[in-house]
Amino acid sequence: MVSALIGVVMLTFFTMGSQNAFFMMLTTLSEMAGNGSEVAADFLNGANLPIGETINPPGWMMALSLVQVVINFALTVYVFLFAQWDNR
């Protein structure tokens, strides 16, 4: 059970880390567009994203990660502690 809970925590760090890395790359792309990169500007204009500004993730995205952790944690505890398995 401990290893499953560690897996849930690691999944959380991976999910939130990859989301943050994605938005950091978008911010870098926005800075590139602000410095005159036509390809970056075309991409950001096509996605309706700001040029030359920091792009932050929406609040619901971070909340979604935390909700996912709570669900995984609750299911892990249920499976290992409370589920009745048929032992034949």
C-alpha atoms as a PDB file:
ATOM      1  CA  MET A   1       0.000   0.000   0.000  1.00  0.00           C
ATOM      2  CA  VAL A   2       2.842   2.371   0.778  1.00  0.00           C
ATOM      3  CA  SER A   3       4.286   1.919  -2.706  1.00  0.00           C
ATOM      4  CA  ALA A   4       0.860   2.616  -4.254  1.00  0.00           C
ATOM      5  CA  LEU A   5       0.551   5.836  -2.256  1.00  0.00           C
ATOM      6  CA  ILE A   6       4.059   6.842  -3.277  1.00  0.00           C
ATOM      7  CA  GLY A   7       2.970   6.190  -6.873  1.00  0.00           C
ATOM      8  CA  VAL A   8      -0.002   8.529  -6.414  1.00  0.00           C
ATOM      9  CA  VAL A   9       2.258  11.271  -5.092  1.00  0.00           C
ATOM     10  CA  MET A  10       4.735  10.760  -7.930  1.00  0.00           C
ATOM     11  CA  LEU A  11       1.873  10.894 -10.456  1.00  0.00           C
ATOM     12  CA  THR A  12       0.865  14.221  -8.947  1.00  0.00           C
ATOM     13  CA  PHE A  13       4.359  15.659  -9.263  1.00  0.00           C
ATOM     14  CA  PHE A  14       4.658  14.394 -12.835  1.00  0.00           C
ATOM     15  CA  THR A  15       1.264  15.785 -13.868  1.00  0.00           C
ATOM     16  CA  MET A  16       1.784  19.200 -12.316  1.00  0.00           C
ATOM     17  CA  GLY A  17       5.395  19.337 -13.489  1.00  0.00           C
ATOM     18  CA  SER A  18       4.524  18.547 -17.089  1.00  0.00           C
ATOM     19  CA  GLN A  19       1.727  21.129 -17.043  1.00  0.00           C
ATOM     20  CA  ASN A  20       4.091  23.773 -15.674  1.00  0.00           C
ATOM     21  CA  ALA A  21       6.765  22.852 -18.238  1.00  0.00           C
ATOM     22  CA  PHE A  22       4.204  23.226 -21.034  1.00  0.00           C
ATOM     23  CA  PHE A  23       3.245  26.720 -19.891  1.00  0.00           C
ATOM     24  CA  MET A  24       6.903  27.674 -19.437  1.00  0.00           C
ATOM     25  CA  MET A  25       7.511  26.671 -23.062  1.00  0.00           C
ATOM     26  CA  LEU A  26       4.490  28.734 -24.144  1.00  0.00           C
ATOM     27  CA  THR A  27       5.886  31.720 -22.250  1.00  0.00           C
ATOM     28  CA  THR A  28       9.239  31.280 -24.007  1.00  0.00           C
ATOM     29  CA  LEU A  29       7.448  31.076 -27.343  1.00  0.00           C
ATOM     30  CA  SER A  30       5.551  34.251 -26.461  1.00  0.00           C
ATOM     31  CA  GLU A  31       8.835  36.020 -25.665  1.00  0.00           C
ATOM     32  CA  MET A  32      10.268  34.836 -28.987  1.00  0.00           C
ATOM     33  CA  ALA A  33       7.231  36.236 -30.787  1.00  0.00           C
ATOM     34  CA  GLY A  34       7.649  39.498 -28.913  1.00  0.00           C
ATOM     35  CA  ASN A  35      11.263  39.672 -30.112  1.00  0.00           C
ATOM     36  CA  GLY A  36      10.224  39.358 -33.763  1.00  0.00           C
ATOM     37  CA  SER A  37       9.868  35.652 -34.561  1.00  0.00           C
ATOM     38  CA  GLU A  38       7.221  35.441 -37.280  1.00  0.00           C
ATOM     39  CA  VAL A  39       6.655  31.694 -36.886  1.00  0.00           C
ATOM     40  CA  ALA A  40       6.079  32.032 -33.141  1.00  0.00           C
ATOM     41  CA  ALA A  41       3.779  35.012 -33.678  1.00  0.00           C
ATOM     42  CA  ASP A  42       1.739  33.108 -36.274  1.00  0.00           C
ATOM     43  CA  PHE A  43       1.401  30.143 -33.918  1.00  0.00           C
ATOM     44  CA  LEU A  44       0.308  32.264 -30.957  1.00  0.00           C
ATOM     45  CA  ASN A  45      -2.090  34.322 -33.080  1.00  0.00           C
ATOM     46  CA  GLY A  46      -3.629  31.098 -34.389  1.00  0.00           C
ATOM     47  CA  ALA A  47      -4.194  29.910 -30.827  1.00  0.00           C
ATOM     48  CA  ASN A  48      -5.429  33.322 -29.598  1.00  0.00           C
ATOM     49  CA  LEU A  49      -2.610  33.580 -27.057  1.00  0.00           C
ATOM     50  CA  PRO A  50      -0.913  36.846 -26.027  1.00  0.00           C
ATOM     51  CA  ILE A  51       2.405  37.845 -27.572  1.00  0.00           C
ATOM     52  CA  GLY A  52       5.244  39.044 -25.354  1.00  0.00           C
ATOM     53  CA  GLU A  53       3.486  38.225 -22.085  1.00  0.00           C
ATOM     54  CA  THR A  54       3.720  35.478 -19.474  1.00  0.00           C
ATOM     55  CA  ILE A  55       1.224  32.699 -20.122  1.00  0.00           C
ATOM     56  CA  ASN A  56      -0.084  31.167 -16.904  1.00  0.00           C
ATOM     57  CA  PRO A  57      -2.192  28.030 -16.545  1.00  0.00           C
ATOM     58  CA  PRO A  58      -5.840  28.557 -15.647  1.00  0.00           C
ATOM     59  CA  GLY A  59      -6.759  27.944 -12.015  1.00  0.00           C
ATOM     60  CA  TRP A  60      -9.053  25.056 -12.841  1.00  0.00           C
ATOM     61  CA  MET A  61      -6.133  23.128 -14.338  1.00  0.00           C
ATOM     62  CA  MET A  62      -4.252  23.113 -11.034  1.00  0.00           C
ATOM     63  CA  ALA A  63      -7.448  22.253  -9.168  1.00  0.00           C
ATOM     64  CA  LEU A  64      -8.047  19.372 -11.589  1.00  0.00           C
ATOM     65  CA  SER A  65      -4.638  17.912 -10.715  1.00  0.00           C
ATOM     66  CA  LEU A  66      -5.421  18.070  -7.013  1.00  0.00           C
ATOM     67  CA  VAL A  67      -8.853  16.477  -7.520  1.00  0.00           C
ATOM     68  CA  GLN A  68      -7.183  13.676  -9.470  1.00  0.00           C
ATOM     69  CA  VAL A  69      -4.800  13.082  -6.554  1.00  0.00           C
ATOM     70  CA  VAL A  70      -7.644  12.923  -4.033  1.00  0.00           C
ATOM     71  CA  ILE A  71      -9.540  10.425  -6.201  1.00  0.00           C
ATOM     72  CA  ASN A  72      -6.441   8.246  -6.671  1.00  0.00           C
ATOM     73  CA  PHE A  73      -5.629   8.410  -2.970  1.00  0.00           C
ATOM     74  CA  ALA A  74      -9.181   7.458  -1.951  1.00  0.00           C
ATOM     75  CA  LEU A  75      -9.321   4.550  -4.398  1.00  0.00           C
ATOM     76  CA  THR A  76      -5.909   3.288  -3.293  1.00  0.00           C
ATOM     77  CA  VAL A  77      -6.883   3.326   0.376  1.00  0.00           C
ATOM     78  CA  TYR A  78     -10.206   1.636  -0.419  1.00  0.00           C
ATOM     79  CA  VAL A  79      -8.623  -1.126  -2.504  1.00  0.00           C
ATOM     80  CA  PHE A  80      -5.956  -1.950   0.054  1.00  0.00           C
ATOM     81  CA  LEU A  81      -7.915  -1.508   3.289  1.00  0.00           C
ATOM     82  CA  PHE A  82     -11.650  -1.837   2.780  1.00  0.00           C
ATOM     83  CA  ALA A  83     -12.353  -3.887  -0.352  1.00  0.00           C
ATOM     84  CA  GLN A  84     -13.685  -7.391   0.284  1.00  0.00           C
ATOM     85  CA  TRP A  85     -11.941  -9.842  -2.017  1.00  0.00           C
ATOM     86  CA  ASP A  86     -13.252 -13.313  -2.736  1.00  0.00           C
ATOM     87  CA  ASN A  87     -10.557 -15.660  -1.403  1.00  0.00           C
ATOM     88  CA  ARG A  88     -11.235 -19.047  -2.946  1.00  0.00           C
END
